[in-house]
Amino acid sequence: MHLFETQEGDKWICINCGTEEEAMIKEKGWELIFDRHDQTLRCALCGKSDYDFED
């Protein structure tokens, strides 16, 4: 997960949304703070974690 500083506050963004929404992130001027590998975090855009594991 990537933590971005935004105008609305800090937001966690998953790897997939970070790639798909790269243009929007640059346009809005979001600043990358750091990355964390934690399956309990959820993306602010899609609501999923970085990786989904099947049971």
N, C-alpha and C. Protein backbone atom coordinates (compact mmCIF):
# COMPACT_ATOMS: atom_id res chain seq x y z
N MET A 1 0.84 -1.18 0.00
CA MET A 1 0.00 0.00 0.00
C MET A 1 0.89 1.24 0.00
N HIS A 2 0.40 2.25 -0.67
CA HIS A 2 1.10 3.54 -0.73
C HIS A 2 0.28 4.54 0.10
N LEU A 3 0.95 5.28 0.96
CA LEU A 3 0.28 6.33 1.73
C LEU A 3 0.55 7.66 1.04
N PHE A 4 -0.53 8.34 0.64
CA PHE A 4 -0.41 9.63 -0.03
C PHE A 4 -0.97 10.72 0.86
N GLU A 5 -0.31 11.87 0.85
CA GLU A 5 -0.82 13.07 1.50
C GLU A 5 -1.68 13.79 0.46
N THR A 6 -2.96 14.01 0.80
CA THR A 6 -3.88 14.67 -0.12
C THR A 6 -4.48 15.90 0.54
N GLN A 7 -5.25 16.66 -0.22
CA GLN A 7 -5.91 17.85 0.31
C GLN A 7 -6.96 17.47 1.35
N GLU A 8 -7.54 16.27 1.23
CA GLU A 8 -8.57 15.80 2.15
C GLU A 8 -8.00 15.01 3.32
N GLY A 9 -6.69 14.86 3.39
CA GLY A 9 -6.04 14.06 4.42
C GLY A 9 -5.29 12.89 3.80
N ASP A 10 -4.57 12.16 4.63
CA ASP A 10 -3.78 11.03 4.15
C ASP A 10 -4.69 9.89 3.69
N LYS A 11 -4.28 9.23 2.59
CA LYS A 11 -5.07 8.13 2.04
C LYS A 11 -4.15 6.98 1.64
N TRP A 12 -4.58 5.76 2.00
CA TRP A 12 -3.89 4.55 1.55
C TRP A 12 -4.43 4.18 0.17
N ILE A 13 -3.53 3.91 -0.76
CA ILE A 13 -3.90 3.53 -2.12
C ILE A 13 -3.19 2.22 -2.47
N CYS A 14 -3.94 1.23 -2.96
CA CYS A 14 -3.35 -0.07 -3.29
C CYS A 14 -2.47 0.05 -4.54
N ILE A 15 -1.69 -0.98 -4.77
CA ILE A 15 -0.78 -1.02 -5.91
C ILE A 15 -1.54 -0.87 -7.23
N ASN A 16 -2.66 -1.60 -7.38
CA ASN A 16 -3.43 -1.55 -8.63
C ASN A 16 -4.00 -0.16 -8.89
N CYS A 17 -4.65 0.44 -7.90
CA CYS A 17 -5.22 1.78 -8.09
C CYS A 17 -4.13 2.82 -8.29
N GLY A 18 -2.99 2.63 -7.63
CA GLY A 18 -1.87 3.55 -7.80
C GLY A 18 -1.40 3.59 -9.24
N THR A 19 -1.41 2.43 -9.89
CA THR A 19 -1.02 2.34 -11.29
C THR A 19 -2.11 2.87 -12.20
N GLU A 20 -3.36 2.42 -11.97
CA GLU A 20 -4.49 2.82 -12.82
C GLU A 20 -4.82 4.31 -12.71
N GLU A 21 -4.64 4.88 -11.54
CA GLU A 21 -5.01 6.28 -11.30
C GLU A 21 -3.81 7.21 -11.22
N GLU A 22 -2.68 6.80 -11.79
CA GLU A 22 -1.45 7.58 -11.72
C GLU A 22 -1.63 9.00 -12.26
N ALA A 23 -2.34 9.15 -13.37
CA ALA A 23 -2.57 10.48 -13.95
C ALA A 23 -3.38 11.37 -13.00
N MET A 24 -4.42 10.81 -12.39
CA MET A 24 -5.25 11.58 -11.45
C MET A 24 -4.43 11.98 -10.22
N ILE A 25 -3.60 11.07 -9.72
CA ILE A 25 -2.78 11.35 -8.55
C ILE A 25 -1.82 12.50 -8.84
N LYS A 26 -1.19 12.49 -10.01
CA LYS A 26 -0.27 13.56 -10.39
C LYS A 26 -1.03 14.87 -10.59
N GLU A 27 -2.20 14.79 -11.23
CA GLU A 27 -3.01 15.98 -11.50
C GLU A 27 -3.43 16.69 -10.22
N LYS A 28 -3.82 15.89 -9.21
CA LYS A 28 -4.26 16.46 -7.94
C LYS A 28 -3.11 16.83 -7.02
N GLY A 29 -1.89 16.45 -7.39
CA GLY A 29 -0.71 16.82 -6.61
C GLY A 29 -0.55 16.03 -5.32
N TRP A 30 -1.03 14.78 -5.30
CA TRP A 30 -0.88 13.96 -4.10
C TRP A 30 0.59 13.61 -3.94
N GLU A 31 1.09 13.67 -2.70
CA GLU A 31 2.49 13.39 -2.42
C GLU A 31 2.63 12.04 -1.73
N LEU A 32 3.48 11.17 -2.28
CA LEU A 32 3.74 9.86 -1.70
C LEU A 32 4.55 10.04 -0.42
N ILE A 33 4.03 9.50 0.69
CA ILE A 33 4.73 9.61 1.97
C ILE A 33 5.61 8.38 2.18
N PHE A 34 5.02 7.17 2.12
CA PHE A 34 5.79 5.93 2.22
C PHE A 34 4.92 4.75 1.82
N ASP A 35 5.53 3.57 1.74
CA ASP A 35 4.85 2.32 1.43
C ASP A 35 4.83 1.43 2.67
N ARG A 36 3.81 0.58 2.76
CA ARG A 36 3.74 -0.39 3.85
C ARG A 36 3.08 -1.66 3.31
N HIS A 37 3.66 -2.79 3.66
CA HIS A 37 3.11 -4.09 3.28
C HIS A 37 2.30 -4.60 4.46
N ASP A 38 0.99 -4.38 4.42
CA ASP A 38 0.11 -4.76 5.53
C ASP A 38 -1.24 -5.15 4.95
N GLN A 39 -1.62 -6.42 5.09
CA GLN A 39 -2.86 -6.92 4.51
C GLN A 39 -4.11 -6.37 5.19
N THR A 40 -3.99 -5.72 6.35
CA THR A 40 -5.17 -5.19 7.02
C THR A 40 -5.56 -3.81 6.48
N LEU A 41 -4.68 -3.16 5.75
CA LEU A 41 -4.99 -1.84 5.19
C LEU A 41 -5.90 -1.99 3.98
N ARG A 42 -6.77 -1.01 3.79
CA ARG A 42 -7.70 -1.03 2.65
C ARG A 42 -7.53 0.25 1.84
N CYS A 43 -7.65 0.12 0.55
CA CYS A 43 -7.49 1.23 -0.39
C CYS A 43 -8.65 2.22 -0.26
N ALA A 44 -8.33 3.51 -0.30
CA ALA A 44 -9.35 4.55 -0.22
C ALA A 44 -10.17 4.64 -1.50
N LEU A 45 -9.67 4.10 -2.61
CA LEU A 45 -10.39 4.18 -3.88
C LEU A 45 -11.26 2.95 -4.14
N CYS A 46 -10.70 1.74 -3.93
CA CYS A 46 -11.46 0.53 -4.27
C CYS A 46 -11.89 -0.28 -3.05
N GLY A 47 -11.31 0.00 -1.88
CA GLY A 47 -11.70 -0.70 -0.66
C GLY A 47 -11.06 -2.07 -0.47
N LYS A 48 -10.13 -2.44 -1.33
CA LYS A 48 -9.48 -3.75 -1.23
C LYS A 48 -8.06 -3.60 -0.72
N SER A 49 -7.45 -4.75 -0.34
CA SER A 49 -6.05 -4.75 0.06
C SER A 49 -5.19 -4.90 -1.20
N ASP A 50 -3.86 -4.88 -1.03
CA ASP A 50 -2.97 -5.03 -2.18
C ASP A 50 -3.18 -6.35 -2.89
N TYR A 51 -3.34 -7.43 -2.13
CA TYR A 51 -3.48 -8.77 -2.70
C TYR A 51 -4.63 -9.48 -2.04
N ASP A 52 -5.45 -10.14 -2.83
CA ASP A 52 -6.54 -10.97 -2.30
C ASP A 52 -6.13 -12.42 -2.42
N PHE A 53 -6.23 -13.14 -1.31
CA PHE A 53 -5.90 -14.56 -1.29
C PHE A 53 -7.19 -15.37 -1.24
N GLU A 54 -7.25 -16.40 -2.07
CA GLU A 54 -8.42 -17.27 -2.05
C GLU A 54 -8.28 -18.30 -0.96
N ASP A 55 -9.39 -18.69 -0.34
CA ASP A 55 -9.36 -19.70 0.71
C ASP A 55 -9.21 -21.08 0.16
